[in-house]
Amino acid sequence: MSPKLTLIVMAAGIGSRYGGLKQIDPIGPHNELIIDYSIYDALAAGFTRVVFVINETIEQLFRQRVGEAIEDHCETAYVLQRIDNLPVGFTVPPARTRPWGTAHAILSCKDIVDSPFAVINADDFYGRASFHILIDYLKKLRDNNDLIECCMVGYELEKTLSNHGHVTRGLCTVDQTDFLVKIDERSRIQKFGEVIKYSEDGIHWTEIGPETIVSMNMWGFVPSLFSELETRFPSFLREKQDEIEQAEFLLPSVIGSILNEQRARVKVLPTCEQWFGVTYQQDRAQARDAIALLIQQGLYPKKLWGNKS
């Protein structure tokens, strides 16, 4: 029997730049969320199980708003990403209030996911074709004693920008066989007219090509990744002691480290899809217009989940 194809949706982020719980801000004509459209596309592609990683402050509201629609259509589970979910010997810093990052979000799922799985952000619209590309490759992934097998959907940078401020993206270097060589997380990427640049300090800027492949945290993994994350999390906590109140255990950084050690390989799956999201409040109107156009084109029904929306 084929294993269940699980989609992990990371929805525990606070959304500080956006100014609220962007994961539950409607953009569809019947109060659909970006996450609704992502799940709709994922189920159409063949995923059969969804695991939501959330934080306890939004748990009840999230279950009511998202769960009521999704649970009728697929197997659904919820995992709390808790800041006190730490290895033995570590305690939560007194001023720490934010989640530990995307790699910790995935690690939080280790006890309920035991087959190949995909990962996405809750507040990103990935496009239907991307889910089909991802699941086709995910079906081929198997645990390997020598290498951790992974895949990642790669987007063209120019199709992943906000018109209202800077964004964080993982800039990817890919070899001639479409395997990832390295990934560099850049936290301040912005468009200036027709030119795209990034900066580490907000003063000095470096131009980047519009077709640069970037990660949007749309990954495919095998379960052996969990043990790798479990091993690396304590090291992260020790190394980041001087900035422990704000440091994040990020998935692209972990994957980059494993790649450097030649202990993993990541197939990059290029997509031509246009990303959109709600990094900033002003992005919401653009997202609503994009969804309205896709509905007009017949890609989505006006009422996504029928009477449940």
C-alpha atoms as a PDB file:
ATOM      1  CA  MET A   1       0.000   0.000   0.000  1.00  0.00           C
ATOM      2  CA  SER A   2       1.339   3.447  -0.901  1.00  0.00           C
ATOM      3  CA  PRO A   3       2.251   5.672   2.075  1.00  0.00           C
ATOM      4  CA  LYS A   4       0.082   8.653   2.887  1.00  0.00           C
ATOM      5  CA  LEU A   5       1.276  11.828   1.229  1.00  0.00           C
ATOM      6  CA  THR A   6       1.413  14.390   4.006  1.00  0.00           C
ATOM      7  CA  LEU A   7       1.533  18.146   3.648  1.00  0.00           C
ATOM      8  CA  ILE A   8       2.879  20.091   6.635  1.00  0.00           C
ATOM      9  CA  VAL A   9       1.610  23.678   6.728  1.00  0.00           C
ATOM     10  CA  MET A  10       3.655  26.063   8.872  1.00  0.00           C
ATOM     11  CA  ALA A  11       1.215  28.538  10.413  1.00  0.00           C
ATOM     12  CA  ALA A  12       2.781  29.404  13.771  1.00  0.00           C
ATOM     13  CA  GLY A  13       4.508  32.633  12.703  1.00  0.00           C
ATOM     14  CA  ILE A  14       3.392  35.805  14.389  1.00  0.00           C
ATOM     15  CA  GLY A  15       3.500  37.982  11.261  1.00  0.00           C
ATOM     16  CA  SER A  16       5.135  40.989  12.930  1.00  0.00           C
ATOM     17  CA  ARG A  17       5.629  43.044   9.746  1.00  0.00           C
ATOM     18  CA  TYR A  18       2.028  42.430   8.716  1.00  0.00           C
ATOM     19  CA  GLY A  19       0.654  43.651  12.029  1.00  0.00           C
ATOM     20  CA  GLY A  20      -1.633  40.732  12.874  1.00  0.00           C
ATOM     21  CA  LEU A  21      -2.531  37.095  12.359  1.00  0.00           C
ATOM     22  CA  LYS A  22      -2.109  37.076   8.612  1.00  0.00           C
ATOM     23  CA  GLN A  23      -2.760  33.317   8.453  1.00  0.00           C
ATOM     24  CA  ILE A  24      -6.487  33.905   9.081  1.00  0.00           C
ATOM     25  CA  ASP A  25      -7.037  37.092   7.060  1.00  0.00           C
ATOM     26  CA  PRO A  26      -9.543  36.394   4.241  1.00  0.00           C
ATOM     27  CA  ILE A  27      -8.771  37.143   0.593  1.00  0.00           C
ATOM     28  CA  GLY A  28     -11.461  35.109  -1.234  1.00  0.00           C
ATOM     29  CA  PRO A  29     -15.038  36.191  -2.084  1.00  0.00           C
ATOM     30  CA  HIS A  30     -16.486  33.968   0.661  1.00  0.00           C
ATOM     31  CA  ASN A  31     -13.813  34.699   3.285  1.00  0.00           C
ATOM     32  CA  GLU A  32     -11.396  32.089   1.961  1.00  0.00           C
ATOM     33  CA  LEU A  33      -7.810  32.381   3.149  1.00  0.00           C
ATOM     34  CA  ILE A  34      -4.616  31.897   1.172  1.00  0.00           C
ATOM     35  CA  ILE A  35      -4.223  28.649   3.109  1.00  0.00           C
ATOM     36  CA  ASP A  36      -7.600  27.455   1.767  1.00  0.00           C
ATOM     37  CA  TYR A  37      -6.406  27.805  -1.810  1.00  0.00           C
ATOM     38  CA  SER A  38      -3.123  26.054  -1.011  1.00  0.00           C
ATOM     39  CA  ILE A  39      -4.917  23.080   0.550  1.00  0.00           C
ATOM     40  CA  TYR A  40      -7.406  22.963  -2.314  1.00  0.00           C
ATOM     41  CA  ASP A  41      -4.522  22.767  -4.808  1.00  0.00           C
ATOM     42  CA  ALA A  42      -2.619  20.227  -2.690  1.00  0.00           C
ATOM     43  CA  LEU A  43      -5.604  17.870  -2.473  1.00  0.00           C
ATOM     44  CA  ALA A  44      -6.187  18.195  -6.221  1.00  0.00           C
ATOM     45  CA  ALA A  45      -2.560  17.202  -6.769  1.00  0.00           C
ATOM     46  CA  GLY A  46      -2.924  14.049  -4.631  1.00  0.00           C
ATOM     47  CA  PHE A  47      -2.004  14.882  -1.036  1.00  0.00           C
ATOM     48  CA  THR A  48      -4.191  12.956   1.380  1.00  0.00           C
ATOM     49  CA  ARG A  49      -3.203  14.283   4.802  1.00  0.00           C
ATOM     50  CA  VAL A  50      -2.572  17.796   6.160  1.00  0.00           C
ATOM     51  CA  VAL A  51      -0.701  18.667   9.356  1.00  0.00           C
ATOM     52  CA  PHE A  52      -1.010  22.244  10.577  1.00  0.00           C
ATOM     53  CA  VAL A  53       1.765  23.616  12.780  1.00  0.00           C
ATOM     54  CA  ILE A  54       0.241  26.423  14.852  1.00  0.00           C
ATOM     55  CA  ASN A  55       0.907  28.255  18.083  1.00  0.00           C
ATOM     56  CA  GLU A  56      -1.329  28.022  21.098  1.00  0.00           C
ATOM     57  CA  THR A  57      -2.402  31.678  20.968  1.00  0.00           C
ATOM     58  CA  ILE A  58      -4.347  31.080  17.727  1.00  0.00           C
ATOM     59  CA  GLU A  59      -5.238  27.406  18.225  1.00  0.00           C
ATOM     60  CA  GLN A  60      -8.959  27.763  18.917  1.00  0.00           C
ATOM     61  CA  LEU A  61      -9.548  30.397  16.257  1.00  0.00           C
ATOM     62  CA  PHE A  62      -7.456  28.499  13.703  1.00  0.00           C
ATOM     63  CA  ARG A  63      -9.275  25.221  14.295  1.00  0.00           C
ATOM     64  CA  GLN A  64     -12.631  26.942  13.900  1.00  0.00           C
ATOM     65  CA  ARG A  65     -11.742  29.010  10.885  1.00  0.00           C
ATOM     66  CA  VAL A  66      -9.545  26.564   8.969  1.00  0.00           C
ATOM     67  CA  GLY A  67     -10.400  23.175  10.432  1.00  0.00           C
ATOM     68  CA  GLU A  68     -14.131  23.410   9.841  1.00  0.00           C
ATOM     69  CA  ALA A  69     -13.531  23.646   6.096  1.00  0.00           C
ATOM     70  CA  ILE A  70     -10.533  21.338   5.660  1.00  0.00           C
ATOM     71  CA  GLU A  71     -11.432  18.438   7.974  1.00  0.00           C
ATOM     72  CA  ASP A  72     -14.341  17.354   5.754  1.00  0.00           C
ATOM     73  CA  HIS A  73     -11.994  16.908   2.798  1.00  0.00           C
ATOM     74  CA  CYS A  74      -8.923  15.116   4.149  1.00  0.00           C
ATOM     75  CA  GLU A  75      -7.260  13.656   7.217  1.00  0.00           C
ATOM     76  CA  THR A  76      -6.194  16.604   9.347  1.00  0.00           C
ATOM     77  CA  ALA A  77      -3.903  16.958  12.358  1.00  0.00           C
ATOM     78  CA  TYR A  78      -2.677  19.887  14.451  1.00  0.00           C
ATOM     79  CA  VAL A  79       0.703  20.320  16.091  1.00  0.00           C
ATOM     80  CA  LEU A  80       1.524  23.097  18.545  1.00  0.00           C
ATOM     81  CA  GLN A  81       4.899  24.727  18.030  1.00  0.00           C
ATOM     82  CA  ARG A  82       5.763  25.560  21.613  1.00  0.00           C
ATOM     83  CA  ILE A  83       8.729  27.663  22.656  1.00  0.00           C
ATOM     84  CA  ASP A  84       9.213  25.360  25.647  1.00  0.00           C
ATOM     85  CA  ASN A  85       9.608  22.332  23.368  1.00  0.00           C
ATOM     86  CA  LEU A  86      13.357  22.191  23.967  1.00  0.00           C
ATOM     87  CA  PRO A  87      16.004  19.487  24.379  1.00  0.00           C
ATOM     88  CA  VAL A  88      16.859  18.299  27.884  1.00  0.00           C
ATOM     89  CA  GLY A  89      19.073  20.809  29.670  1.00  0.00           C
ATOM     90  CA  PHE A  90      17.717  23.917  27.932  1.00  0.00           C
ATOM     91  CA  THR A  91      15.165  26.435  29.201  1.00  0.00           C
ATOM     92  CA  VAL A  92      13.220  29.239  27.547  1.00  0.00           C
ATOM     93  CA  PRO A  93      14.994  32.615  27.818  1.00  0.00           C
ATOM     94  CA  PRO A  94      12.888  35.025  29.915  1.00  0.00           C
ATOM     95  CA  ALA A  95      12.309  37.506  27.067  1.00  0.00           C
ATOM     96  CA  ARG A  96      11.685  34.893  24.357  1.00  0.00           C
ATOM     97  CA  THR A  97       8.144  35.175  22.930  1.00  0.00           C
ATOM     98  CA  ARG A  98       8.427  34.136  19.286  1.00  0.00           C
ATOM     99  CA  PRO A  99       8.550  30.592  17.830  1.00  0.00           C
ATOM    100  CA  TRP A 100      11.965  29.014  17.248  1.00  0.00           C
ATOM    101  CA  GLY A 101      11.733  29.082  13.447  1.00  0.00           C
ATOM    102  CA  THR A 102      10.799  26.895  10.506  1.00  0.00           C
ATOM    103  CA  ALA A 103      13.193  24.015  11.235  1.00  0.00           C
ATOM    104  CA  HIS A 104      11.767  23.781  14.758  1.00  0.00           C
ATOM    105  CA  ALA A 105       8.245  23.814  13.290  1.00  0.00           C
ATOM    106  CA  ILE A 106       9.092  20.723  11.242  1.00  0.00           C
ATOM    107  CA  LEU A 107      10.830  19.051  14.188  1.00  0.00           C
ATOM    108  CA  SER A 108       7.609  19.500  16.185  1.00  0.00           C
ATOM    109  CA  CYS A 109       5.930  17.023  13.780  1.00  0.00           C
ATOM    110  CA  LYS A 110       8.373  14.154  14.269  1.00  0.00           C
ATOM    111  CA  ASP A 111       5.986  11.972  16.292  1.00  0.00           C
ATOM    112  CA  ILE A 112       3.103  12.045  13.814  1.00  0.00           C
ATOM    113  CA  VAL A 113       4.775  11.918  10.374  1.00  0.00           C
ATOM    114  CA  ASP A 114       6.472   8.695   9.282  1.00  0.00           C
ATOM    115  CA  SER A 115       6.400   8.868   5.466  1.00  0.00           C
ATOM    116  CA  PRO A 116       7.655  11.284   2.797  1.00  0.00           C
ATOM    117  CA  PHE A 117       6.163  14.726   3.376  1.00  0.00           C
ATOM    118  CA  ALA A 118       5.992  18.199   1.894  1.00  0.00           C
ATOM    119  CA  VAL A 119       6.281  21.551   3.654  1.00  0.00           C
ATOM    120  CA  ILE A 120       4.749  24.948   2.826  1.00  0.00           C
ATOM    121  CA  ASN A 121       4.103  28.280   4.532  1.00  0.00           C
ATOM    122  CA  ALA A 122       0.516  29.132   5.452  1.00  0.00           C
ATOM    123  CA  ASP A 123       0.676  32.673   4.108  1.00  0.00           C
ATOM    124  CA  ASP A 124       2.146  31.997   0.652  1.00  0.00           C
ATOM    125  CA  PHE A 125       0.195  31.270  -2.531  1.00  0.00           C
ATOM    126  CA  TYR A 126       2.263  28.769  -4.499  1.00  0.00           C
ATOM    127  CA  GLY A 127       0.153  28.039  -7.576  1.00  0.00           C
ATOM    128  CA  ARG A 128      -1.489  24.780  -8.577  1.00  0.00           C
ATOM    129  CA  ALA A 129       1.251  23.598 -10.926  1.00  0.00           C
ATOM    130  CA  SER A 130       3.813  23.765  -8.115  1.00  0.00           C
ATOM    131  CA  PHE A 131       1.919  21.189  -6.049  1.00  0.00           C
ATOM    132  CA  HIS A 132       1.786  18.791  -8.988  1.00  0.00           C
ATOM    133  CA  ILE A 133       5.520  19.233  -9.616  1.00  0.00           C
ATOM    134  CA  LEU A 134       6.254  18.645  -5.943  1.00  0.00           C
ATOM    135  CA  ILE A 135       4.117  15.566  -5.418  1.00  0.00           C
ATOM    136  CA  ASP A 136       5.366  13.853  -8.587  1.00  0.00           C
ATOM    137  CA  TYR A 137       8.914  13.979  -7.240  1.00  0.00           C
ATOM    138  CA  LEU A 138       7.911  13.340  -3.628  1.00  0.00           C
ATOM    139  CA  LYS A 139       6.492   9.962  -4.630  1.00  0.00           C
ATOM    140  CA  LYS A 140      10.003   8.922  -5.684  1.00  0.00           C
ATOM    141  CA  LEU A 141      11.791   9.920  -2.482  1.00  0.00           C
ATOM    142  CA  ARG A 142      13.016   7.163  -0.179  1.00  0.00           C
ATOM    143  CA  ASP A 143      15.131   7.112   2.965  1.00  0.00           C
ATOM    144  CA  ASN A 144      18.789   6.545   2.174  1.00  0.00           C
ATOM    145  CA  ASN A 145      21.458   5.485   4.655  1.00  0.00           C
ATOM    146  CA  ASP A 146      24.089   7.602   2.948  1.00  0.00           C
ATOM    147  CA  LEU A 147      22.194  10.723   1.876  1.00  0.00           C
ATOM    148  CA  ILE A 148      19.101  12.568   3.056  1.00  0.00           C
ATOM    149  CA  GLU A 149      16.957  12.849  -0.064  1.00  0.00           C
ATOM    150  CA  CYS A 150      15.049  16.121  -0.484  1.00  0.00           C
ATOM    151  CA  CYS A 151      13.444  18.290  -3.116  1.00  0.00           C
ATOM    152  CA  MET A 152      12.497  21.938  -3.329  1.00  0.00           C
ATOM    153  CA  VAL A 153      10.260  23.885  -5.691  1.00  0.00           C
ATOM    154  CA  GLY A 154      12.318  26.782  -7.036  1.00  0.00           C
ATOM    155  CA  TYR A 155      10.743  30.107  -8.011  1.00  0.00           C
ATOM    156  CA  GLU A 156      12.105  32.907 -10.180  1.00  0.00           C
ATOM    157  CA  LEU A 157      12.969  35.778  -7.860  1.00  0.00           C
ATOM    158  CA  GLU A 158      11.053  38.414  -9.806  1.00  0.00           C
ATOM    159  CA  LYS A 159       7.857  36.393  -9.313  1.00  0.00           C
ATOM    160  CA  THR A 160       8.176  36.380  -5.512  1.00  0.00           C
ATOM    161  CA  LEU A 161       8.491  40.060  -4.568  1.00  0.00           C
ATOM    162  CA  SER A 162       6.193  42.436  -2.703  1.00  0.00           C
ATOM    163  CA  ASN A 163       5.479  45.898  -4.066  1.00  0.00           C
ATOM    164  CA  HIS A 164       5.313  47.270  -0.543  1.00  0.00           C
ATOM    165  CA  GLY A 165       8.654  46.510   1.066  1.00  0.00           C
ATOM    166  CA  HIS A 166      11.534  44.123   1.387  1.00  0.00           C
ATOM    167  CA  VAL A 167      11.210  40.338   1.674  1.00  0.00           C
ATOM    168  CA  THR A 168      13.332  37.431   2.887  1.00  0.00           C
ATOM    169  CA  ARG A 169      14.266  34.770   0.348  1.00  0.00           C
ATOM    170  CA  GLY A 170      16.689  31.872   0.112  1.00  0.00           C
ATOM    171  CA  LEU A 171      18.881  32.548  -2.939  1.00  0.00           C
ATOM    172  CA  CYS A 172      19.791  29.226  -4.544  1.00  0.00           C
ATOM    173  CA  THR A 173      22.820  28.091  -6.495  1.00  0.00           C
ATOM    174  CA  VAL A 174      21.887  25.120  -8.697  1.00  0.00           C
ATOM    175  CA  ASP A 175      24.161  22.799 -10.673  1.00  0.00           C
ATOM    176  CA  GLN A 176      23.668  21.636 -14.265  1.00  0.00           C
ATOM    177  CA  THR A 177      21.590  18.654 -13.146  1.00  0.00           C
ATOM    178  CA  ASP A 178      19.199  20.833 -11.093  1.00  0.00           C
ATOM    179  CA  PHE A 179      20.563  19.813  -7.711  1.00  0.00           C
ATOM    180  CA  LEU A 180      21.021  22.473  -5.048  1.00  0.00           C
ATOM    181  CA  VAL A 181      24.634  23.503  -4.426  1.00  0.00           C
ATOM    182  CA  LYS A 182      23.977  26.087  -1.710  1.00  0.00           C
ATOM    183  CA  ILE A 183      21.280  28.364  -0.357  1.00  0.00           C
ATOM    184  CA  ASP A 184      21.909  31.830   1.072  1.00  0.00           C
ATOM    185  CA  GLU A 185      19.176  33.391   3.192  1.00  0.00           C
ATOM    186  CA  ARG A 186      18.833  37.114   2.449  1.00  0.00           C
ATOM    187  CA  SER A 187      16.565  39.084   4.745  1.00  0.00           C
ATOM    188  CA  ARG A 188      16.260  42.351   2.794  1.00  0.00           C
ATOM    189  CA  ILE A 189      15.447  41.917  -0.905  1.00  0.00           C
ATOM    190  CA  GLN A 190      13.641  44.728  -2.669  1.00  0.00           C
ATOM    191  CA  LYS A 191      12.728  45.981  -6.122  1.00  0.00           C
ATOM    192  CA  PHE A 192      13.914  49.436  -7.180  1.00  0.00           C
ATOM    193  CA  GLY A 193      12.194  50.220 -10.461  1.00  0.00           C
ATOM    194  CA  GLU A 194      13.287  47.436 -12.804  1.00  0.00           C
ATOM    195  CA  VAL A 195      16.264  46.437 -10.662  1.00  0.00           C
ATOM    196  CA  ILE A 196      16.264  43.953  -7.757  1.00  0.00           C
ATOM    197  CA  LYS A 197      18.789  44.346  -4.953  1.00  0.00           C
ATOM    198  CA  TYR A 198      19.514  42.917  -1.523  1.00  0.00           C
ATOM    199  CA  SER A 199      21.196  44.395   1.535  1.00  0.00           C
ATOM    200  CA  GLU A 200      22.351  43.048   4.873  1.00  0.00           C
ATOM    201  CA  ASP A 201      22.530  46.428   6.575  1.00  0.00           C
ATOM    202  CA  GLY A 202      20.031  48.614   4.672  1.00  0.00           C
ATOM    203  CA  ILE A 203      22.876  50.814   3.408  1.00  0.00           C
ATOM    204  CA  HIS A 204      24.959  48.771   0.984  1.00  0.00           C
ATOM    205  CA  TRP A 205      22.984  47.078  -1.805  1.00  0.00           C
ATOM    206  CA  THR A 206      23.904  44.312  -4.263  1.00  0.00           C
ATOM    207  CA  GLU A 207      22.001  43.733  -7.508  1.00  0.00           C
ATOM    208  CA  ILE A 208      20.585  40.270  -8.221  1.00  0.00           C
ATOM    209  CA  GLY A 209      19.192  38.856 -11.442  1.00  0.00           C
ATOM    210  CA  PRO A 210      15.386  38.601 -11.760  1.00  0.00           C
ATOM    211  CA  GLU A 211      15.580  34.931 -12.803  1.00  0.00           C
ATOM    212  CA  THR A 212      17.626  33.902  -9.766  1.00  0.00           C
ATOM    213  CA  ILE A 213      16.089  30.740  -8.285  1.00  0.00           C
ATOM    214  CA  VAL A 214      14.786  31.235  -4.761  1.00  0.00           C
ATOM    215  CA  SER A 215      13.282  29.054  -2.076  1.00  0.00           C
ATOM    216  CA  MET A 216       9.769  29.852  -0.866  1.00  0.00           C
ATOM    217  CA  ASN A 217       9.838  27.085   1.754  1.00  0.00           C
ATOM    218  CA  MET A 218       8.106  24.583  -0.511  1.00  0.00           C
ATOM    219  CA  TRP A 219      10.031  21.401   0.233  1.00  0.00           C
ATOM    220  CA  GLY A 220       9.787  17.637   0.027  1.00  0.00           C
ATOM    221  CA  PHE A 221      11.528  15.438   2.621  1.00  0.00           C
ATOM    222  CA  VAL A 222      11.917  11.909   3.923  1.00  0.00           C
ATOM    223  CA  PRO A 223      11.423  11.090   7.642  1.00  0.00           C
ATOM    224  CA  SER A 224      15.165  10.794   8.272  1.00  0.00           C
ATOM    225  CA  LEU A 225      15.243  14.599   8.297  1.00  0.00           C
ATOM    226  CA  PHE A 226      13.645  14.558  11.761  1.00  0.00           C
ATOM    227  CA  SER A 227      16.620  12.875  13.418  1.00  0.00           C
ATOM    228  CA  GLU A 228      18.913  15.354  11.686  1.00  0.00           C
ATOM    229  CA  LEU A 229      16.924  18.297  13.038  1.00  0.00           C
ATOM    230  CA  GLU A 230      16.815  16.730  16.489  1.00  0.00           C
ATOM    231  CA  THR A 231      20.593  16.426  16.502  1.00  0.00           C
ATOM    232  CA  ARG A 232      21.237  19.959  15.252  1.00  0.00           C
ATOM    233  CA  PHE A 233      18.773  21.884  17.425  1.00  0.00           C
ATOM    234  CA  PRO A 234      20.861  21.667  20.649  1.00  0.00           C
ATOM    235  CA  SER A 235      23.934  22.828  18.716  1.00  0.00           C
ATOM    236  CA  PHE A 236      21.954  25.786  17.402  1.00  0.00           C
ATOM    237  CA  LEU A 237      20.853  26.740  20.917  1.00  0.00           C
ATOM    238  CA  ARG A 238      24.422  26.642  22.198  1.00  0.00           C
ATOM    239  CA  GLU A 239      25.862  28.565  19.239  1.00  0.00           C
ATOM    240  CA  LYS A 240      23.227  31.317  19.448  1.00  0.00           C
ATOM    241  CA  GLN A 241      23.494  32.044  23.170  1.00  0.00           C
ATOM    242  CA  ASP A 242      24.456  35.669  22.554  1.00  0.00           C
ATOM    243  CA  GLU A 243      21.314  36.283  20.489  1.00  0.00           C
ATOM    244  CA  ILE A 244      19.059  33.597  21.911  1.00  0.00           C
ATOM    245  CA  GLU A 245      16.041  35.862  22.473  1.00  0.00           C
ATOM    246  CA  GLN A 246      15.640  36.487  18.713  1.00  0.00           C
ATOM    247  CA  ALA A 247      17.587  33.692  16.935  1.00  0.00           C
ATOM    248  CA  GLU A 248      15.632  31.337  14.656  1.00  0.00           C
ATOM    249  CA  PHE A 249      16.332  27.729  13.757  1.00  0.00           C
ATOM    250  CA  LEU A 250      15.620  28.114  10.034  1.00  0.00           C
ATOM    251  CA  LEU A 251      15.013  25.314   7.555  1.00  0.00           C
ATOM    252  CA  PRO A 252      17.089  26.792   4.687  1.00  0.00           C
ATOM    253  CA  SER A 253      20.053  27.269   7.032  1.00  0.00           C
ATOM    254  CA  VAL A 254      19.862  23.678   8.245  1.00  0.00           C
ATOM    255  CA  ILE A 255      19.574  22.313   4.716  1.00  0.00           C
ATOM    256  CA  GLY A 256      22.515  24.485   3.692  1.00  0.00           C
ATOM    257  CA  SER A 257      24.647  23.048   6.497  1.00  0.00           C
ATOM    258  CA  ILE A 258      23.753  19.465   5.598  1.00  0.00           C
ATOM    259  CA  LEU A 259      24.592  20.187   1.961  1.00  0.00           C
ATOM    260  CA  ASN A 260      27.973  21.611   2.950  1.00  0.00           C
ATOM    261  CA  GLU A 261      28.694  18.358   4.763  1.00  0.00           C
ATOM    262  CA  GLN A 262      27.664  16.410   1.642  1.00  0.00           C
ATOM    263  CA  ARG A 263      25.126  14.459   3.677  1.00  0.00           C
ATOM    264  CA  ALA A 264      22.089  15.416   1.611  1.00  0.00           C
ATOM    265  CA  ARG A 265      21.047  16.175  -1.914  1.00  0.00           C
ATOM    266  CA  VAL A 266      18.200  18.450  -2.902  1.00  0.00           C
ATOM    267  CA  LYS A 267      16.577  18.277  -6.300  1.00  0.00           C
ATOM    268  CA  VAL A 268      15.400  21.728  -7.377  1.00  0.00           C
ATOM    269  CA  LEU A 269      12.092  21.578  -9.231  1.00  0.00           C
ATOM    270  CA  PRO A 270      11.639  24.780 -11.257  1.00  0.00           C
ATOM    271  CA  THR A 271       8.201  26.332 -11.521  1.00  0.00           C
ATOM    272  CA  CYS A 272       6.893  29.197 -13.616  1.00  0.00           C
ATOM    273  CA  GLU A 273       4.108  29.979 -11.150  1.00  0.00           C
ATOM    274  CA  GLN A 274       3.580  33.510  -9.851  1.00  0.00           C
ATOM    275  CA  TRP A 275       3.839  33.714  -6.060  1.00  0.00           C
ATOM    276  CA  PHE A 276       1.828  36.104  -3.978  1.00  0.00           C
ATOM    277  CA  GLY A 277       1.373  36.532  -0.255  1.00  0.00           C
ATOM    278  CA  VAL A 278       0.593  38.956   2.541  1.00  0.00           C
ATOM    279  CA  THR A 279       3.935  40.029   3.924  1.00  0.00           C
ATOM    280  CA  TYR A 280       2.513  43.515   4.463  1.00  0.00           C
ATOM    281  CA  GLN A 281      -1.036  44.813   5.034  1.00  0.00           C
ATOM    282  CA  GLN A 282      -0.943  46.503   1.616  1.00  0.00           C
ATOM    283  CA  ASP A 283      -0.342  43.122  -0.065  1.00  0.00           C
ATOM    284  CA  ARG A 284      -3.849  41.975   0.815  1.00  0.00           C
ATOM    285  CA  ALA A 285      -5.602  43.990  -1.933  1.00  0.00           C
ATOM    286  CA  GLN A 286      -3.219  42.585  -4.553  1.00  0.00           C
ATOM    287  CA  ALA A 287      -3.824  39.052  -3.278  1.00  0.00           C
ATOM    288  CA  ARG A 288      -7.595  39.530  -3.439  1.00  0.00           C
ATOM    289  CA  ASP A 289      -7.317  40.805  -7.034  1.00  0.00           C
ATOM    290  CA  ALA A 290      -5.129  37.837  -8.012  1.00  0.00           C
ATOM    291  CA  ILE A 291      -7.622  35.333  -6.587  1.00  0.00           C
ATOM    292  CA  ALA A 292     -10.537  37.120  -8.246  1.00  0.00           C
ATOM    293  CA  LEU A 293      -8.782  36.830 -11.606  1.00  0.00           C
ATOM    294  CA  LEU A 294      -8.098  33.105 -11.122  1.00  0.00           C
ATOM    295  CA  ILE A 295     -11.774  32.569 -10.251  1.00  0.00           C
ATOM    296  CA  GLN A 296     -12.775  34.520 -13.353  1.00  0.00           C
ATOM    297  CA  GLN A 297     -10.483  32.282 -15.412  1.00  0.00           C
ATOM    298  CA  GLY A 298     -12.252  29.213 -14.002  1.00  0.00           C
ATOM    299  CA  LEU A 299      -9.331  27.848 -11.957  1.00  0.00           C
ATOM    300  CA  TYR A 300     -11.280  28.020  -8.690  1.00  0.00           C
ATOM    301  CA  PRO A 301     -14.992  27.967  -7.847  1.00  0.00           C
ATOM    302  CA  LYS A 302     -16.402  31.158  -6.340  1.00  0.00           C
ATOM    303  CA  LYS A 303     -17.158  29.252  -3.137  1.00  0.00           C
ATOM    304  CA  LEU A 304     -14.112  27.093  -2.603  1.00  0.00           C
ATOM    305  CA  TRP A 305     -15.460  24.603  -0.034  1.00  0.00           C
ATOM    306  CA  GLY A 306     -19.126  24.725  -0.982  1.00  0.00           C
ATOM    307  CA  ASN A 307     -21.367  25.394   2.005  1.00  0.00           C
ATOM    308  CA  LYS A 308     -18.441  25.260   4.419  1.00  0.00           C
ATOM    309  CA  SER A 309     -16.914  28.600   3.346  1.00  0.00           C
END
